[in-house]
Protein backbone atom coordinates (compact mmCIF):
# COMPACT_ATOMS: atom_id res chain seq x y z
CA UNK A 1 0.00 0.00 0.00
CA UNK A 2 1.28 3.46 -0.86
CA UNK A 3 1.90 5.88 1.95
CA UNK A 4 -1.66 6.96 2.62
CA UNK A 5 -2.65 9.03 5.62
CA UNK A 6 -5.17 7.63 8.08
CA UNK A 7 -7.69 10.13 6.69
CA UNK A 8 -7.19 8.93 3.11
CA UNK A 9 -7.52 5.31 4.24
CA UNK A 10 -10.77 6.09 6.06
CA UNK A 11 -12.15 7.96 3.05
CA UNK A 12 -11.26 5.17 0.61
CA UNK A 13 -12.70 2.43 2.80
CA UNK A 14 -15.88 4.45 3.36
CA UNK A 15 -16.34 5.20 -0.33
CA UNK A 16 -15.74 1.59 -1.38
CA UNK A 17 -18.03 0.23 1.37
CA UNK A 18 -20.77 2.56 0.13
CA UNK A 19 -20.29 1.27 -3.42
CA UNK A 20 -20.51 -2.33 -2.17
CA UNK A 21 -23.64 -1.64 -0.12
CA UNK A 22 -25.30 -0.19 -3.24
CA UNK A 23 -24.62 -3.37 -5.19
CA UNK A 24 -21.16 -2.98 -6.75
CA UNK A 25 -19.55 -6.38 -7.32
CA UNK A 26 -16.90 -7.25 -4.74
CA UNK A 27 -13.41 -7.92 -6.11
CA UNK A 28 -12.69 -10.57 -3.47
CA UNK A 29 -14.70 -13.52 -2.27
CA UNK A 30 -17.09 -12.41 0.47
CA UNK A 31 -17.07 -14.54 3.61
CA UNK A 32 -20.40 -15.31 5.31
CA UNK A 33 -21.39 -12.57 7.74
CA UNK A 34 -18.76 -10.13 6.45
CA UNK A 35 -19.80 -6.46 6.25
CA UNK A 36 -19.15 -4.10 3.35
CA UNK A 37 -16.55 -2.30 5.48
CA UNK A 38 -14.67 -5.55 6.09
CA UNK A 39 -14.67 -6.33 2.35
CA UNK A 40 -13.46 -2.79 1.55
CA UNK A 41 -10.62 -3.12 4.09
CA UNK A 42 -9.53 -6.44 2.60
CA UNK A 43 -9.64 -4.98 -0.93
CA UNK A 44 -7.48 -2.05 0.17
CA UNK A 45 -4.97 -4.35 1.88
CA UNK A 46 -4.80 -6.50 -1.27
CA UNK A 47 -4.19 -3.40 -3.39
CA UNK A 48 -7.06 -4.10 -5.79
CA UNK A 49 -9.44 -1.35 -4.75
CA UNK A 50 -10.57 0.56 -7.87
CA UNK A 51 -10.12 4.08 -6.49
CA UNK A 52 -7.45 6.69 -7.08
CA UNK A 53 -6.24 9.33 -4.62
CA UNK A 54 -5.45 12.72 -6.11
CA UNK A 55 -3.50 15.12 -3.93
């Protein structure tokens, strides 16, 4: 993961979790009982989250 601030990480996870909750297809296999936030965190850790940070 690139050097993201804790604020950028929170914003990315929140935005991706919102996309997932509105029906966007997850890029990883979803485990039973896993929330959209958990999936977004795992996608960010794996480096496959489809969002770009512009500074």
